Amino acid sequence: MKTYNQFLSESKRVKSLPSSMVRDYKKRASSEIKGGGSIDINSRIPTISITMSNGEKYFFQEHEAQKLLDEVPDNIDPEDFILAQAQNW
């Protein structure tokens, strides 16, 4: 099975993830939220505010936020995808 990074190297934007990866990302995001993490996405400006369960915080706005949103595959919620990805930053 390919990793997400392998998918990214094959194309600029992955249109959809395999169902097993979607389940994994949702599980990771859910665990982060249960541990006290959160994510807030405002797509109008856009802005993304992330607080990790360990207290680390990230904030993206305008072009940086839009770049993150553009990377989200079609078959997963942006909140789940970005929060799961943030665990590796």
Protein backbone atom coordinates (compact mmCIF):
# COMPACT_ATOMS: atom_id res chain seq x y z
CA MET A 1 0.00 0.00 0.00
CA LYS A 2 1.27 3.48 -0.86
CA THR A 3 1.79 6.16 1.75
CA TYR A 4 0.26 9.59 1.39
CA ASN A 5 3.70 11.07 0.62
CA GLN A 6 4.09 8.60 -2.22
CA PHE A 7 0.72 9.72 -3.59
CA LEU A 8 1.83 13.35 -3.35
CA SER A 9 5.01 12.66 -5.25
CA GLU A 10 2.97 11.16 -8.08
CA SER A 11 0.66 14.15 -8.43
CA LYS A 12 0.40 17.63 -7.01
CA ARG A 13 -2.98 16.96 -5.44
CA VAL A 14 -4.46 13.64 -4.53
CA LYS A 15 -8.11 13.53 -5.58
CA SER A 16 -9.00 10.78 -3.14
CA LEU A 17 -7.32 8.56 -0.60
CA PRO A 18 -7.78 4.81 -0.23
CA SER A 19 -10.49 4.04 2.33
CA SER A 20 -7.94 2.56 4.75
CA MET A 21 -6.04 5.86 4.80
CA VAL A 22 -9.25 7.84 5.32
CA ARG A 23 -10.05 5.65 8.34
CA ASP A 24 -6.51 6.12 9.68
CA TYR A 25 -6.61 9.92 9.28
CA LYS A 26 -10.04 10.13 10.94
CA LYS A 27 -8.83 7.97 13.83
CA ARG A 28 -5.71 10.10 14.28
CA ALA A 29 -7.71 13.34 14.20
CA SER A 30 -10.26 11.95 16.66
CA SER A 31 -7.49 10.90 19.05
CA GLU A 32 -5.95 14.36 18.83
CA ILE A 33 -9.28 16.00 19.67
CA LYS A 34 -9.90 13.59 22.57
CA GLY A 35 -6.46 14.59 23.89
CA GLY A 36 -7.39 18.27 23.87
CA GLY A 37 -6.43 19.29 20.34
CA SER A 38 -8.63 21.39 18.07
CA ILE A 39 -8.83 22.87 14.60
CA ASP A 40 -10.83 25.80 13.29
CA ILE A 41 -11.09 26.46 9.55
CA ASN A 42 -12.61 29.64 8.15
CA SER A 43 -12.74 29.14 4.40
CA ARG A 44 -13.92 32.68 3.60
CA ILE A 45 -10.66 34.46 4.49
CA PRO A 46 -9.19 31.65 4.66
CA THR A 47 -7.60 30.93 8.04
CA ILE A 48 -6.69 27.71 9.83
CA SER A 49 -6.01 27.63 13.56
CA ILE A 50 -4.68 24.41 15.07
CA THR A 51 -4.00 23.58 18.70
CA MET A 52 -2.34 20.23 19.26
CA SER A 53 -2.96 18.12 22.36
CA ASN A 54 0.62 18.79 23.49
CA GLY A 55 -0.01 22.56 23.47
CA GLU A 56 1.69 23.40 20.17
CA LYS A 57 -0.24 25.95 18.12
CA TYR A 58 -0.25 26.71 14.40
CA PHE A 59 -1.97 29.50 12.52
CA PHE A 60 -2.19 29.91 8.75
CA GLN A 61 -3.94 32.63 6.82
CA GLU A 62 -4.64 33.63 3.23
CA HIS A 63 -2.22 31.95 0.80
CA GLU A 64 -0.70 29.57 3.36
CA ALA A 65 -4.14 28.43 4.53
CA GLN A 66 -5.39 28.06 0.97
CA LYS A 67 -2.37 25.95 0.07
CA LEU A 68 -3.19 23.56 2.92
CA LEU A 69 -6.85 23.42 1.90
CA ASP A 70 -5.89 22.72 -1.71
CA GLU A 71 -3.97 19.62 -0.58
CA VAL A 72 -7.02 18.04 1.06
CA PRO A 73 -8.30 15.03 -0.91
CA ASP A 74 -11.96 15.05 -1.94
CA ASN A 75 -13.01 12.08 0.18
CA ILE A 76 -12.02 13.34 3.65
CA ASP A 77 -13.06 16.27 5.83
CA PRO A 78 -10.46 19.05 5.78
CA GLU A 79 -10.44 19.17 9.59
CA ASP A 80 -9.60 15.47 9.89
CA PHE A 81 -6.97 15.57 7.16
CA ILE A 82 -5.13 18.69 8.34
CA LEU A 83 -5.26 17.78 12.04
CA ALA A 84 -3.88 14.30 11.34
CA GLN A 85 -1.15 15.79 9.13
CA ALA A 86 -0.24 18.32 11.84
CA GLN A 87 0.79 15.46 14.13
CA ASN A 88 3.93 15.09 12.00
CA TRP A 89 4.95 18.75 11.81
